[in-house]
Amino acid sequence: MNNDMNVFGEGCIIPKSARFETNIILGHRVVLAGNGIVVRANARLDAACVIAEGVIIGQGAWVRAGAVVLRSIPANAIVEGNPACVVGYVNTVTNDQRPDPRLLDALSFDDVKRPARVSLDVGKSELYLMRSVMDARGSLTVGEVPTEVPFSPRRYFVVFGVPSIELRGEHAHKRCQQFLICLHGSCRILLDDGKNRCEVLLNRPDMGVFMPEMIWGTQYRYSSDAVLLVFASRSYEEDDYLRTYDEFLAECHRVNMIQSSN
């Protein structure tokens, strides 16, 4: 069945209350098992996946074959399993719904002289490689403010005890900048400027990610022992948050229009 540029495979079960946007692909035998399901634009649902009542499939998301989705999926996320969980994000560069190949980790930069900064090609985001000192007494890593870290922090917070299936972040800031260091364990940092996307594996305390304003940030795939330290350039301001991906894209468009008119 085709509808408004959507492609639906054979044997799908679709309640009348389901709402679809455009450019959606449903594989064979997809089951939307309840009312109030929303599938946003450019989403892909592979064969024999099951979507629970009230779930929203975010724009550009990919539900892999046989997944059982019990809760809403963020924009551009790739999910699999039963129950489904996020295992990656769609590659915005090729727009072909593969995991983004630009996953960076510390092993890629072992030969780089520290301190150093590496552009992530997502807005002004950068990977910071901090100095470290190791001897028989233990190890130490250090960064001086403001010469070796991107700003003088106004506050900090620590994220820990996160179940591996949970996502953190999923918002952008209009003005606030952040600097993220995983002190223990590991997690993945997704950065998205509305056009380009990159992931960084943080798994050692001598590397950090600078996430400037107007970058959509998500942290996921936390190890059970992960401890994530985040420095912020501003005090907490509720009106500084962009909490949905649609709001973020709209603000990106507004900022770009202002910049292009100047």
C-alpha atoms as a PDB file:
ATOM      1  CA  MET A   1       0.000   0.000   0.000  1.00  0.00           C
ATOM      2  CA  ASN A   2       1.334   3.451  -0.951  1.00  0.00           C
ATOM      3  CA  ASN A   3       0.106   6.715   0.535  1.00  0.00           C
ATOM      4  CA  ASP A   4       1.569  10.236   0.298  1.00  0.00           C
ATOM      5  CA  MET A   5       4.971   8.892  -0.805  1.00  0.00           C
ATOM      6  CA  ASN A   6       4.819   6.217   1.915  1.00  0.00           C
ATOM      7  CA  VAL A   7       5.528   2.574   1.091  1.00  0.00           C
ATOM      8  CA  PHE A   8       3.791  -0.119   3.143  1.00  0.00           C
ATOM      9  CA  GLY A   9       4.640  -3.806   2.774  1.00  0.00           C
ATOM     10  CA  GLU A  10       2.206  -6.701   2.633  1.00  0.00           C
ATOM     11  CA  GLY A  11       0.501  -8.111   5.694  1.00  0.00           C
ATOM     12  CA  CYS A  12       0.851  -5.018   7.887  1.00  0.00           C
ATOM     13  CA  ILE A  13      -1.654  -4.460  10.692  1.00  0.00           C
ATOM     14  CA  ILE A  14      -2.440  -0.754  10.942  1.00  0.00           C
ATOM     15  CA  PRO A  15      -5.219   0.699  13.144  1.00  0.00           C
ATOM     16  CA  LYS A  16      -7.253   3.586  11.789  1.00  0.00           C
ATOM     17  CA  SER A  17      -5.959   5.880  14.536  1.00  0.00           C
ATOM     18  CA  ALA A  18      -2.325   5.567  13.370  1.00  0.00           C
ATOM     19  CA  ARG A  19      -0.880   8.795  11.984  1.00  0.00           C
ATOM     20  CA  PHE A  20       1.819   8.831   9.319  1.00  0.00           C
ATOM     21  CA  GLU A  21       3.893  11.692   7.974  1.00  0.00           C
ATOM     22  CA  THR A  22       5.697  11.438   4.608  1.00  0.00           C
ATOM     23  CA  ASN A  23       8.486   9.315   3.090  1.00  0.00           C
ATOM     24  CA  ILE A  24       7.864   6.383   5.441  1.00  0.00           C
ATOM     25  CA  ILE A  25       8.812   2.785   4.667  1.00  0.00           C
ATOM     26  CA  LEU A  26       7.065  -0.136   6.364  1.00  0.00           C
ATOM     27  CA  GLY A  27       8.351  -3.636   5.686  1.00  0.00           C
ATOM     28  CA  HIS A  28       6.153  -6.718   5.437  1.00  0.00           C
ATOM     29  CA  ARG A  29       4.077  -7.811   8.450  1.00  0.00           C
ATOM     30  CA  VAL A  30       4.703  -4.706  10.552  1.00  0.00           C
ATOM     31  CA  VAL A  31       2.221  -4.583  13.443  1.00  0.00           C
ATOM     32  CA  LEU A  32       1.014  -1.321  14.994  1.00  0.00           C
ATOM     33  CA  ALA A  33      -0.513  -2.831  18.103  1.00  0.00           C
ATOM     34  CA  GLY A  34      -2.767  -0.132  19.501  1.00  0.00           C
ATOM     35  CA  ASN A  35      -4.121   3.366  19.188  1.00  0.00           C
ATOM     36  CA  GLY A  36      -2.307   6.694  19.136  1.00  0.00           C
ATOM     37  CA  ILE A  37       0.794   5.564  17.242  1.00  0.00           C
ATOM     38  CA  VAL A  38       2.595   8.294  15.283  1.00  0.00           C
ATOM     39  CA  VAL A  39       5.269   7.637  12.644  1.00  0.00           C
ATOM     40  CA  ARG A  40       7.197  10.778  11.774  1.00  0.00           C
ATOM     41  CA  ALA A  41       8.675  11.703   8.393  1.00  0.00           C
ATOM     42  CA  ASN A  42      11.464   9.629   6.812  1.00  0.00           C
ATOM     43  CA  ALA A  43      11.136   6.787   9.326  1.00  0.00           C
ATOM     44  CA  ARG A  44      11.756   3.167   8.360  1.00  0.00           C
ATOM     45  CA  LEU A  45      10.143   0.159  10.052  1.00  0.00           C
ATOM     46  CA  ASP A  46      11.606  -3.163   8.932  1.00  0.00           C
ATOM     47  CA  ALA A  47       9.757  -6.459   8.580  1.00  0.00           C
ATOM     48  CA  ALA A  48       7.857  -8.010  11.482  1.00  0.00           C
ATOM     49  CA  CYS A  49       8.519  -5.246  13.984  1.00  0.00           C
ATOM     50  CA  VAL A  50       5.827  -4.497  16.554  1.00  0.00           C
ATOM     51  CA  ILE A  51       4.959  -0.993  17.777  1.00  0.00           C
ATOM     52  CA  ALA A  52       3.072  -0.611  21.061  1.00  0.00           C
ATOM     53  CA  GLU A  53       0.132   1.686  21.751  1.00  0.00           C
ATOM     54  CA  GLY A  54       0.890   5.405  22.006  1.00  0.00           C
ATOM     55  CA  VAL A  55       4.451   5.135  20.698  1.00  0.00           C
ATOM     56  CA  ILE A  56       5.915   7.957  18.590  1.00  0.00           C
ATOM     57  CA  ILE A  57       8.547   6.935  16.048  1.00  0.00           C
ATOM     58  CA  GLY A  58      10.772  10.014  15.645  1.00  0.00           C
ATOM     59  CA  GLN A  59      11.610  11.557  12.295  1.00  0.00           C
ATOM     60  CA  GLY A  60      14.297   9.662  10.416  1.00  0.00           C
ATOM     61  CA  ALA A  61      14.300   6.769  12.897  1.00  0.00           C
ATOM     62  CA  TRP A  62      14.988   3.167  11.850  1.00  0.00           C
ATOM     63  CA  VAL A  63      13.285   0.217  13.568  1.00  0.00           C
ATOM     64  CA  ARG A  64      15.139  -2.951  12.648  1.00  0.00           C
ATOM     65  CA  ALA A  65      13.454  -6.219  11.743  1.00  0.00           C
ATOM     66  CA  GLY A  66      11.635  -8.002  14.553  1.00  0.00           C
ATOM     67  CA  ALA A  67      12.079  -5.204  17.093  1.00  0.00           C
ATOM     68  CA  VAL A  68       9.374  -4.779  19.737  1.00  0.00           C
ATOM     69  CA  VAL A  69       9.053  -1.072  20.463  1.00  0.00           C
ATOM     70  CA  LEU A  70       7.410  -0.316  23.810  1.00  0.00           C
ATOM     71  CA  ARG A  71       8.261   3.361  24.147  1.00  0.00           C
ATOM     72  CA  SER A  72       8.829   6.333  21.882  1.00  0.00           C
ATOM     73  CA  ILE A  73      11.972   6.544  19.737  1.00  0.00           C
ATOM     74  CA  PRO A  74      14.049   9.725  19.339  1.00  0.00           C
ATOM     75  CA  ALA A  75      14.627  11.360  15.979  1.00  0.00           C
ATOM     76  CA  ASN A  76      17.225   9.580  13.809  1.00  0.00           C
ATOM     77  CA  ALA A  77      17.718   6.719  16.300  1.00  0.00           C
ATOM     78  CA  ILE A  78      18.308   3.107  15.257  1.00  0.00           C
ATOM     79  CA  VAL A  79      16.614   0.569  17.544  1.00  0.00           C
ATOM     80  CA  GLU A  80      16.560  -3.207  17.728  1.00  0.00           C
ATOM     81  CA  GLY A  81      15.702  -6.037  20.110  1.00  0.00           C
ATOM     82  CA  ASN A  82      12.863  -6.990  22.448  1.00  0.00           C
ATOM     83  CA  PRO A  83      12.273  -4.631  24.090  1.00  0.00           C
ATOM     84  CA  ALA A  84      13.841  -2.317  21.519  1.00  0.00           C
ATOM     85  CA  CYS A  85      16.685  -0.034  22.587  1.00  0.00           C
ATOM     86  CA  VAL A  86      18.857   2.525  20.805  1.00  0.00           C
ATOM     87  CA  VAL A  87      21.964   0.967  19.248  1.00  0.00           C
ATOM     88  CA  GLY A  88      23.054   3.846  17.015  1.00  0.00           C
ATOM     89  CA  TYR A  89      21.965   6.811  14.931  1.00  0.00           C
ATOM     90  CA  VAL A  90      21.301   7.277  11.230  1.00  0.00           C
ATOM     91  CA  ASN A  91      24.061   8.711   9.067  1.00  0.00           C
ATOM     92  CA  THR A  92      22.923  12.190   8.017  1.00  0.00           C
ATOM     93  CA  VAL A  93      25.663  12.573   5.416  1.00  0.00           C
ATOM     94  CA  THR A  94      24.504   9.695   3.217  1.00  0.00           C
ATOM     95  CA  ASN A  95      20.905   9.610   4.477  1.00  0.00           C
ATOM     96  CA  ASP A  96      20.869   5.861   3.863  1.00  0.00           C
ATOM     97  CA  GLN A  97      19.954   4.739   7.380  1.00  0.00           C
ATOM     98  CA  ARG A  98      23.252   3.094   8.214  1.00  0.00           C
ATOM     99  CA  PRO A  99      24.962   3.718  11.557  1.00  0.00           C
ATOM    100  CA  ASP A 100      27.071   6.857  11.252  1.00  0.00           C
ATOM    101  CA  PRO A 101      30.639   5.730  10.464  1.00  0.00           C
ATOM    102  CA  ARG A 102      32.119   8.765  12.205  1.00  0.00           C
ATOM    103  CA  LEU A 103      32.486   7.152  15.619  1.00  0.00           C
ATOM    104  CA  LEU A 104      35.627   8.466  17.293  1.00  0.00           C
ATOM    105  CA  ASP A 105      37.469   7.041  20.285  1.00  0.00           C
ATOM    106  CA  ALA A 106      40.736   7.695  22.080  1.00  0.00           C
ATOM    107  CA  LEU A 107      42.632   4.929  20.301  1.00  0.00           C
ATOM    108  CA  SER A 108      42.402   6.966  17.091  1.00  0.00           C
ATOM    109  CA  PHE A 109      44.617   9.680  18.610  1.00  0.00           C
ATOM    110  CA  ASP A 110      47.221   7.861  20.702  1.00  0.00           C
ATOM    111  CA  ASP A 111      50.042   9.390  18.626  1.00  0.00           C
ATOM    112  CA  VAL A 112      48.789  12.986  18.984  1.00  0.00           C
ATOM    113  CA  LYS A 113      50.853  15.306  21.178  1.00  0.00           C
ATOM    114  CA  ARG A 114      48.736  16.566  24.085  1.00  0.00           C
ATOM    115  CA  PRO A 115      47.069  18.853  24.894  1.00  0.00           C
ATOM    116  CA  ALA A 116      45.312  18.887  21.540  1.00  0.00           C
ATOM    117  CA  ARG A 117      41.946  19.668  19.985  1.00  0.00           C
ATOM    118  CA  VAL A 118      40.305  17.777  17.129  1.00  0.00           C
ATOM    119  CA  SER A 119      37.424  19.252  15.134  1.00  0.00           C
ATOM    120  CA  LEU A 120      34.373  16.994  14.946  1.00  0.00           C
ATOM    121  CA  ASP A 121      32.923  18.842  11.908  1.00  0.00           C
ATOM    122  CA  VAL A 122      29.646  19.328  13.759  1.00  0.00           C
ATOM    123  CA  GLY A 123      29.257  23.050  14.296  1.00  0.00           C
ATOM    124  CA  LYS A 124      32.170  24.140  16.476  1.00  0.00           C
ATOM    125  CA  SER A 125      32.258  20.896  18.485  1.00  0.00           C
ATOM    126  CA  GLU A 126      35.705  19.565  19.328  1.00  0.00           C
ATOM    127  CA  LEU A 127      37.350  16.574  20.956  1.00  0.00           C
ATOM    128  CA  TYR A 128      39.868  17.646  23.619  1.00  0.00           C
ATOM    129  CA  LEU A 129      42.844  15.423  24.367  1.00  0.00           C
ATOM    130  CA  MET A 130      44.073  16.352  27.835  1.00  0.00           C
ATOM    131  CA  ARG A 131      47.508  15.992  29.368  1.00  0.00           C
ATOM    132  CA  SER A 132      48.052  12.932  31.552  1.00  0.00           C
ATOM    133  CA  VAL A 133      50.845  11.896  33.907  1.00  0.00           C
ATOM    134  CA  MET A 134      51.424   8.278  34.943  1.00  0.00           C
ATOM    135  CA  ASP A 135      53.954   6.900  37.427  1.00  0.00           C
ATOM    136  CA  ALA A 136      54.184   4.301  40.188  1.00  0.00           C
ATOM    137  CA  ARG A 137      51.953   6.393  42.463  1.00  0.00           C
ATOM    138  CA  GLY A 138      49.039   6.357  39.998  1.00  0.00           C
ATOM    139  CA  SER A 139      47.723   8.514  37.164  1.00  0.00           C
ATOM    140  CA  LEU A 140      46.647  12.128  36.827  1.00  0.00           C
ATOM    141  CA  THR A 141      45.012  14.118  34.072  1.00  0.00           C
ATOM    142  CA  VAL A 142      44.796  17.909  34.039  1.00  0.00           C
ATOM    143  CA  GLY A 143      43.404  20.799  32.028  1.00  0.00           C
ATOM    144  CA  GLU A 144      44.013  24.484  32.771  1.00  0.00           C
ATOM    145  CA  VAL A 145      41.262  27.119  32.521  1.00  0.00           C
ATOM    146  CA  PRO A 146      40.940  28.904  30.145  1.00  0.00           C
ATOM    147  CA  THR A 147      43.964  27.870  28.047  1.00  0.00           C
ATOM    148  CA  GLU A 148      43.316  24.095  27.809  1.00  0.00           C
ATOM    149  CA  VAL A 149      39.565  23.879  28.284  1.00  0.00           C
ATOM    150  CA  PRO A 150      37.038  25.873  26.235  1.00  0.00           C
ATOM    151  CA  PHE A 151      35.489  28.132  28.907  1.00  0.00           C
ATOM    152  CA  SER A 152      35.393  28.999  32.607  1.00  0.00           C
ATOM    153  CA  PRO A 153      32.578  26.873  34.101  1.00  0.00           C
ATOM    154  CA  ARG A 154      29.676  28.394  36.015  1.00  0.00           C
ATOM    155  CA  ARG A 155      28.387  25.030  37.240  1.00  0.00           C
ATOM    156  CA  TYR A 156      28.922  21.300  36.922  1.00  0.00           C
ATOM    157  CA  PHE A 157      26.849  18.148  37.241  1.00  0.00           C
ATOM    158  CA  VAL A 158      27.661  14.450  37.357  1.00  0.00           C
ATOM    159  CA  VAL A 159      25.632  11.687  35.696  1.00  0.00           C
ATOM    160  CA  PHE A 160      25.999   8.138  37.027  1.00  0.00           C
ATOM    161  CA  GLY A 161      24.019   4.970  37.674  1.00  0.00           C
ATOM    162  CA  VAL A 162      22.344   5.163  34.250  1.00  0.00           C
ATOM    163  CA  PRO A 163      20.753   1.899  33.015  1.00  0.00           C
ATOM    164  CA  SER A 164      22.294   0.899  29.692  1.00  0.00           C
ATOM    165  CA  ILE A 165      18.987   1.232  27.800  1.00  0.00           C
ATOM    166  CA  GLU A 166      18.403   4.816  28.911  1.00  0.00           C
ATOM    167  CA  LEU A 167      19.226   8.004  27.010  1.00  0.00           C
ATOM    168  CA  ARG A 168      20.356  11.254  28.589  1.00  0.00           C
ATOM    169  CA  GLY A 169      20.508  14.740  27.128  1.00  0.00           C
ATOM    170  CA  GLU A 170      18.224  14.771  24.066  1.00  0.00           C
ATOM    171  CA  HIS A 171      18.168  18.564  23.969  1.00  0.00           C
ATOM    172  CA  ALA A 172      20.101  21.583  22.772  1.00  0.00           C
ATOM    173  CA  HIS A 173      20.956  24.926  24.374  1.00  0.00           C
ATOM    174  CA  LYS A 174      20.518  28.328  22.786  1.00  0.00           C
ATOM    175  CA  ARG A 175      23.403  29.908  24.747  1.00  0.00           C
ATOM    176  CA  CYS A 176      24.961  27.428  27.176  1.00  0.00           C
ATOM    177  CA  GLN A 177      28.155  25.555  26.272  1.00  0.00           C
ATOM    178  CA  GLN A 178      29.147  22.240  27.832  1.00  0.00           C
ATOM    179  CA  PHE A 179      32.303  20.185  28.296  1.00  0.00           C
ATOM    180  CA  LEU A 180      31.891  16.455  28.944  1.00  0.00           C
ATOM    181  CA  ILE A 181      34.426  14.060  30.495  1.00  0.00           C
ATOM    182  CA  CYS A 182      33.678  10.422  31.317  1.00  0.00           C
ATOM    183  CA  LEU A 183      35.650   9.925  34.524  1.00  0.00           C
ATOM    184  CA  HIS A 184      34.930   6.210  34.790  1.00  0.00           C
ATOM    185  CA  GLY A 185      33.432   3.574  32.526  1.00  0.00           C
ATOM    186  CA  SER A 186      32.178   4.617  29.108  1.00  0.00           C
ATOM    187  CA  CYS A 187      29.339   6.211  27.185  1.00  0.00           C
ATOM    188  CA  ARG A 188      28.652   7.487  23.690  1.00  0.00           C
ATOM    189  CA  ILE A 189      28.129  11.163  22.926  1.00  0.00           C
ATOM    190  CA  LEU A 190      26.024  12.088  19.897  1.00  0.00           C
ATOM    191  CA  LEU A 191      26.436  15.614  18.505  1.00  0.00           C
ATOM    192  CA  ASP A 192      24.110  16.984  15.813  1.00  0.00           C
ATOM    193  CA  ASP A 193      24.075  20.496  14.307  1.00  0.00           C
ATOM    194  CA  GLY A 194      20.970  19.879  12.185  1.00  0.00           C
ATOM    195  CA  LYS A 195      23.033  18.919   9.122  1.00  0.00           C
ATOM    196  CA  ASN A 196      25.980  16.833  10.287  1.00  0.00           C
ATOM    197  CA  ARG A 197      26.246  14.237  13.019  1.00  0.00           C
ATOM    198  CA  CYS A 198      29.096  12.570  14.875  1.00  0.00           C
ATOM    199  CA  GLU A 199      29.470  10.157  17.782  1.00  0.00           C
ATOM    200  CA  VAL A 200      32.341  10.031  20.247  1.00  0.00           C
ATOM    201  CA  LEU A 201      33.107   7.102  22.520  1.00  0.00           C
ATOM    202  CA  LEU A 202      34.217   8.571  25.854  1.00  0.00           C
ATOM    203  CA  ASN A 203      36.005   5.854  27.796  1.00  0.00           C
ATOM    204  CA  ARG A 204      38.967   7.499  29.529  1.00  0.00           C
ATOM    205  CA  PRO A 205      39.284  10.571  31.777  1.00  0.00           C
ATOM    206  CA  ASP A 206      41.966  12.316  29.688  1.00  0.00           C
ATOM    207  CA  MET A 207      39.634  13.199  26.837  1.00  0.00           C
ATOM    208  CA  GLY A 208      36.590  15.438  26.712  1.00  0.00           C
ATOM    209  CA  VAL A 209      33.991  16.709  24.276  1.00  0.00           C
ATOM    210  CA  PHE A 210      33.262  20.406  23.824  1.00  0.00           C
ATOM    211  CA  MET A 211      29.600  20.859  22.912  1.00  0.00           C
ATOM    212  CA  PRO A 212      28.908  24.517  22.076  1.00  0.00           C
ATOM    213  CA  GLU A 213      25.529  26.192  21.950  1.00  0.00           C
ATOM    214  CA  MET A 214      23.030  25.081  19.275  1.00  0.00           C
ATOM    215  CA  ILE A 215      24.209  21.467  19.169  1.00  0.00           C
ATOM    216  CA  TRP A 216      21.672  18.697  19.767  1.00  0.00           C
ATOM    217  CA  GLY A 217      23.324  16.374  22.275  1.00  0.00           C
ATOM    218  CA  THR A 218      22.437  12.856  23.368  1.00  0.00           C
ATOM    219  CA  GLN A 219      24.360  10.516  25.649  1.00  0.00           C
ATOM    220  CA  TYR A 220      23.623   6.803  25.519  1.00  0.00           C
ATOM    221  CA  ARG A 221      25.016   3.263  25.848  1.00  0.00           C
ATOM    222  CA  TYR A 222      26.304   3.968  29.353  1.00  0.00           C
ATOM    223  CA  SER A 223      28.342   1.205  30.934  1.00  0.00           C
ATOM    224  CA  SER A 224      27.069   0.167  34.361  1.00  0.00           C
ATOM    225  CA  ASP A 225      30.010   1.938  36.043  1.00  0.00           C
ATOM    226  CA  ALA A 226      29.964   5.121  33.934  1.00  0.00           C
ATOM    227  CA  VAL A 227      30.478   8.473  35.651  1.00  0.00           C
ATOM    228  CA  LEU A 228      30.021  11.466  33.325  1.00  0.00           C
ATOM    229  CA  LEU A 229      31.200  14.900  34.491  1.00  0.00           C
ATOM    230  CA  VAL A 230      29.691  17.893  32.670  1.00  0.00           C
ATOM    231  CA  PHE A 231      30.884  21.496  33.015  1.00  0.00           C
ATOM    232  CA  ALA A 232      28.458  24.231  31.896  1.00  0.00           C
ATOM    233  CA  SER A 233      29.263  27.803  30.885  1.00  0.00           C
ATOM    234  CA  ARG A 234      26.026  29.221  32.343  1.00  0.00           C
ATOM    235  CA  SER A 235      23.783  28.758  35.342  1.00  0.00           C
ATOM    236  CA  TYR A 236      20.606  26.737  34.843  1.00  0.00           C
ATOM    237  CA  GLU A 237      18.086  28.623  32.684  1.00  0.00           C
ATOM    238  CA  GLU A 238      14.933  26.796  31.661  1.00  0.00           C
ATOM    239  CA  ASP A 239      14.300  29.079  28.679  1.00  0.00           C
ATOM    240  CA  ASP A 240      17.735  28.194  27.279  1.00  0.00           C
ATOM    241  CA  TYR A 241      16.633  24.625  26.470  1.00  0.00           C
ATOM    242  CA  LEU A 242      15.353  23.319  23.136  1.00  0.00           C
ATOM    243  CA  ARG A 243      13.715  20.091  24.250  1.00  0.00           C
ATOM    244  CA  THR A 244      12.353  18.676  20.999  1.00  0.00           C
ATOM    245  CA  TYR A 245      14.190  18.027  17.767  1.00  0.00           C
ATOM    246  CA  ASP A 246      11.571  20.033  15.851  1.00  0.00           C
ATOM    247  CA  GLU A 247      12.197  23.053  18.083  1.00  0.00           C
ATOM    248  CA  PHE A 248      15.919  22.649  17.556  1.00  0.00           C
ATOM    249  CA  LEU A 249      15.634  22.518  13.756  1.00  0.00           C
ATOM    250  CA  ALA A 250      13.319  25.538  13.753  1.00  0.00           C
ATOM    251  CA  GLU A 251      15.790  27.522  15.876  1.00  0.00           C
ATOM    252  CA  CYS A 252      18.669  26.479  13.585  1.00  0.00           C
ATOM    253  CA  HIS A 253      16.679  27.788  10.619  1.00  0.00           C
ATOM    254  CA  ARG A 254      15.909  31.045  12.427  1.00  0.00           C
ATOM    255  CA  VAL A 255      19.562  31.594  13.383  1.00  0.00           C
ATOM    256  CA  ASN A 256      20.731  30.811   9.850  1.00  0.00           C
ATOM    257  CA  MET A 257      18.238  33.272   8.387  1.00  0.00           C
ATOM    258  CA  ILE A 258      19.470  36.023  10.717  1.00  0.00           C
ATOM    259  CA  GLN A 259      23.112  35.290   9.895  1.00  0.00           C
ATOM    260  CA  SER A 260      22.503  35.226   6.146  1.00  0.00           C
ATOM    261  CA  SER A 261      20.701  38.580   6.261  1.00  0.00           C
ATOM    262  CA  ASN A 262      23.578  40.309   8.064  1.00  0.00           C
END
